[in-house]
C-alpha atoms as a PDB file:
ATOM      1  CA  GLN A   1     164.927 105.871  88.666  1.00  0.00           C
ATOM      2  CA  VAL A   2     166.010 106.298  92.372  1.00  0.00           C
ATOM      3  CA  GLN A   3     166.679 109.024  94.618  1.00  0.00           C
ATOM      4  CA  LEU A   4     168.911 108.335  97.449  1.00  0.00           C
ATOM      5  CA  VAL A   5     169.133 110.741 100.523  1.00  0.00           C
ATOM      6  CA  GLU A   6     172.002 110.106 103.400  1.00  0.00           C
ATOM      7  CA  SER A   7     172.409 111.037 106.648  1.00  0.00           C
ATOM      8  CA  GLY A   8     174.454 109.999 109.657  1.00  0.00           C
ATOM      9  CA  GLY A   9     177.414 112.212 109.283  1.00  0.00           C
ATOM     10  CA  GLY A  10     179.256 114.576 111.502  1.00  0.00           C
ATOM     11  CA  LEU A  11     182.192 115.115 113.682  1.00  0.00           C
ATOM     12  CA  VAL A  12     183.751 112.152 115.677  1.00  0.00           C
ATOM     13  CA  GLN A  13     187.307 111.697 117.593  1.00  0.00           C
ATOM     14  CA  ALA A  14     189.320 109.046 116.515  1.00  0.00           C
ATOM     15  CA  GLY A  15     188.628 105.407 117.636  1.00  0.00           C
ATOM     16  CA  GLY A  16     184.810 106.269 117.824  1.00  0.00           C
ATOM     17  CA  SER A  17     181.777 105.195 115.825  1.00  0.00           C
ATOM     18  CA  LEU A  18     179.136 106.468 113.116  1.00  0.00           C
ATOM     19  CA  ARG A  19     176.316 104.865 111.799  1.00  0.00           C
ATOM     20  CA  LEU A  20     175.382 106.293 107.973  1.00  0.00           C
ATOM     21  CA  SER A  21     171.820 105.766 106.634  1.00  0.00           C
ATOM     22  CA  CYS A  22     171.000 106.028 103.066  1.00  0.00           C
ATOM     23  CA  ALA A  23     167.124 106.345 102.421  1.00  0.00           C
ATOM     24  CA  ALA A  24     166.028 105.141  98.918  1.00  0.00           C
ATOM     25  CA  SER A  25     162.744 106.245  97.163  1.00  0.00           C
ATOM     26  CA  SER A  26     162.569 102.814  95.918  1.00  0.00           C
ATOM     27  CA  VAL A  27     164.509  99.310  95.878  1.00  0.00           C
ATOM     28  CA  PHE A  28     162.848  97.535  92.814  1.00  0.00           C
ATOM     29  CA  GLN A  29     165.289  96.289  90.733  1.00  0.00           C
ATOM     30  CA  ILE A  30     168.271  97.712  92.264  1.00  0.00           C
ATOM     31  CA  ASN A  31     171.062  95.264  91.695  1.00  0.00           C
ATOM     32  CA  THR A  32     173.797  96.442  93.697  1.00  0.00           C
ATOM     33  CA  MET A  33     174.034  98.953  96.585  1.00  0.00           C
ATOM     34  CA  ALA A  34     177.181 100.260  97.846  1.00  0.00           C
ATOM     35  CA  TRP A  35     179.087 103.469 100.266  1.00  0.00           C
ATOM     36  CA  TYR A  36     181.930 105.594  98.176  1.00  0.00           C
ATOM     37  CA  ARG A  37     183.772 108.175  99.571  1.00  0.00           C
ATOM     38  CA  GLN A  38     185.826 111.108  98.534  1.00  0.00           C
ATOM     39  CA  ALA A  39     188.383 112.775 100.651  1.00  0.00           C
ATOM     40  CA  PRO A  40     189.792 116.209  99.596  1.00  0.00           C
ATOM     41  CA  GLY A  41     192.042 116.285  96.279  1.00  0.00           C
ATOM     42  CA  LYS A  42     191.650 112.434  95.981  1.00  0.00           C
ATOM     43  CA  GLN A  43     189.352 110.196  93.866  1.00  0.00           C
ATOM     44  CA  ARG A  44     186.108 108.631  94.930  1.00  0.00           C
ATOM     45  CA  GLU A  45     187.024 105.265  96.043  1.00  0.00           C
ATOM     46  CA  LEU A  46     184.144 102.514  96.899  1.00  0.00           C
ATOM     47  CA  VAL A  47     184.293 102.077 100.988  1.00  0.00           C
ATOM     48  CA  ALA A  48     181.584  98.605 100.567  1.00  0.00           C
ATOM     49  CA  GLY A  49     179.611  97.000  98.239  1.00  0.00           C
ATOM     50  CA  LEU A  50     176.504  94.785  99.145  1.00  0.00           C
ATOM     51  CA  PHE A  51     175.701  92.710  95.980  1.00  0.00           C
ATOM     52  CA  ILE A  52     172.718  90.246  94.789  1.00  0.00           C
ATOM     53  CA  GLY A  53     172.734  87.260  97.069  1.00  0.00           C
ATOM     54  CA  GLY A  54     173.866  89.269  99.926  1.00  0.00           C
ATOM     55  CA  MET A  55     177.605  88.978  99.181  1.00  0.00           C
ATOM     56  CA  THR A  56     179.820  92.285 100.396  1.00  0.00           C
ATOM     57  CA  ASP A  57     183.249  93.715  99.499  1.00  0.00           C
ATOM     58  CA  TYR A  58     185.228  96.006 101.312  1.00  0.00           C
ATOM     59  CA  ALA A  59     188.269  98.066 100.920  1.00  0.00           C
ATOM     60  CA  ASP A  60     191.130  97.015 102.759  1.00  0.00           C
ATOM     61  CA  SER A  61     191.501  99.897 104.560  1.00  0.00           C
ATOM     62  CA  VAL A  62     188.262  99.330 106.715  1.00  0.00           C
ATOM     63  CA  LYS A  63     187.905  95.520 106.720  1.00  0.00           C
ATOM     64  CA  GLY A  64     186.846  94.775 110.538  1.00  0.00           C
ATOM     65  CA  ARG A  65     185.571  98.364 110.837  1.00  0.00           C
ATOM     66  CA  PHE A  66     182.832  99.063 108.717  1.00  0.00           C
ATOM     67  CA  THR A  67     179.654  97.285 108.123  1.00  0.00           C
ATOM     68  CA  ILE A  68     177.588  97.372 105.341  1.00  0.00           C
ATOM     69  CA  SER A  69     173.728  96.051 105.609  1.00  0.00           C
ATOM     70  CA  LYS A  70     170.667  96.843 103.903  1.00  0.00           C
ATOM     71  CA  ASP A  71     166.916  96.696 104.992  1.00  0.00           C
ATOM     72  CA  ASN A  72     164.558  96.273 102.196  1.00  0.00           C
ATOM     73  CA  ALA A  73     161.146  96.916 103.834  1.00  0.00           C
ATOM     74  CA  ASN A  74     162.481 100.371 104.888  1.00  0.00           C
ATOM     75  CA  LYS A  75     164.249 100.910 101.877  1.00  0.00           C
ATOM     76  CA  ALA A  76     167.428 101.913 103.611  1.00  0.00           C
ATOM     77  CA  LEU A  77     171.110 101.075 103.112  1.00  0.00           C
ATOM     78  CA  TYR A  78     173.671 101.479 106.593  1.00  0.00           C
ATOM     79  CA  LEU A  79     177.173 101.787 107.040  1.00  0.00           C
ATOM     80  CA  GLN A  80     178.256 101.209 110.692  1.00  0.00           C
ATOM     81  CA  MET A  81     181.789 102.651 110.893  1.00  0.00           C
ATOM     82  CA  ASN A  82     183.796 101.752 114.135  1.00  0.00           C
ATOM     83  CA  SER A  83     187.109 102.593 115.144  1.00  0.00           C
ATOM     84  CA  LEU A  84     187.107 105.637 113.294  1.00  0.00           C
ATOM     85  CA  LYS A  85     190.561 107.162 111.888  1.00  0.00           C
ATOM     86  CA  PRO A  86     191.302 110.215 110.818  1.00  0.00           C
ATOM     87  CA  GLU A  87     192.105 108.659 107.501  1.00  0.00           C
ATOM     88  CA  ASP A  88     188.520 107.966 107.173  1.00  0.00           C
ATOM     89  CA  THR A  89     187.618 111.432 106.995  1.00  0.00           C
ATOM     90  CA  ALA A  90     185.752 112.555 103.816  1.00  0.00           C
ATOM     91  CA  VAL A  91     182.291 112.765 102.100  1.00  0.00           C
ATOM     92  CA  TYR A  92     180.855 109.855 101.991  1.00  0.00           C
ATOM     93  CA  TYR A  93     177.959 108.935  98.921  1.00  0.00           C
ATOM     94  CA  CYS A  94     175.559 106.088  98.658  1.00  0.00           C
ATOM     95  CA  ASN A  95     175.194 104.433  95.201  1.00  0.00           C
ATOM     96  CA  ALA A  96     172.461 102.242  93.930  1.00  0.00           C
ATOM     97  CA  ARG A  97     172.919 100.443  90.581  1.00  0.00           C
ATOM     98  CA  ILE A  98     170.236  99.623  87.974  1.00  0.00           C
ATOM     99  CA  ARG A  99     170.799  98.001  84.913  1.00  0.00           C
ATOM    100  CA  GLY A 100     174.441  99.172  84.694  1.00  0.00           C
ATOM    101  CA  GLU A 101     173.198 102.704  85.562  1.00  0.00           C
ATOM    102  CA  ASP A 102     174.359 104.575  88.520  1.00  0.00           C
ATOM    103  CA  TYR A 103     172.471 106.492  90.742  1.00  0.00           C
ATOM    104  CA  TRP A 104     174.180 108.582  93.807  1.00  0.00           C
ATOM    105  CA  GLY A 105     173.048 110.519  96.883  1.00  0.00           C
ATOM    106  CA  GLN A 106     174.224 114.317  97.685  1.00  0.00           C
ATOM    107  CA  GLY A 107     176.944 112.739 100.220  1.00  0.00           C
ATOM    108  CA  THR A 108     177.232 113.599 104.030  1.00  0.00           C
ATOM    109  CA  GLN A 109     180.887 114.623 105.732  1.00  0.00           C
ATOM    110  CA  VAL A 110     182.218 112.292 108.091  1.00  0.00           C
ATOM    111  CA  THR A 111     185.131 114.249 110.047  1.00  0.00           C
ATOM    112  CA  VAL A 112     187.124 112.096 112.473  1.00  0.00           C
ATOM    113  CA  SER A 113     189.803 114.616 114.771  1.00  0.00           C
ATOM    114  CA  SER A 114     192.928 112.876 116.049  1.00  0.00           C
END
């Protein structure tokens, strides 16, 4: 099992930046880590994923603006978000997958004002 705690959300103007952090209790046996988001009235969607070997994947809507990274020594996952848009407003969740089982953080709110 792993516990995940997100931080770094907040209110920012359009065009601004935020850096989300996810602190993991352990990185042992984690296959992939990712950031998801859920806007009001919408389904949770994948924003960025980091896979074994360092491969990354991004939603088309955030490519070129968001960057996912990991620090194994500090057991942390990050999401650098630049050029934020009002449509990026959502609760952002950290995800870890261990042997096919998903673990989630409690989420952090990101609000982008126009």
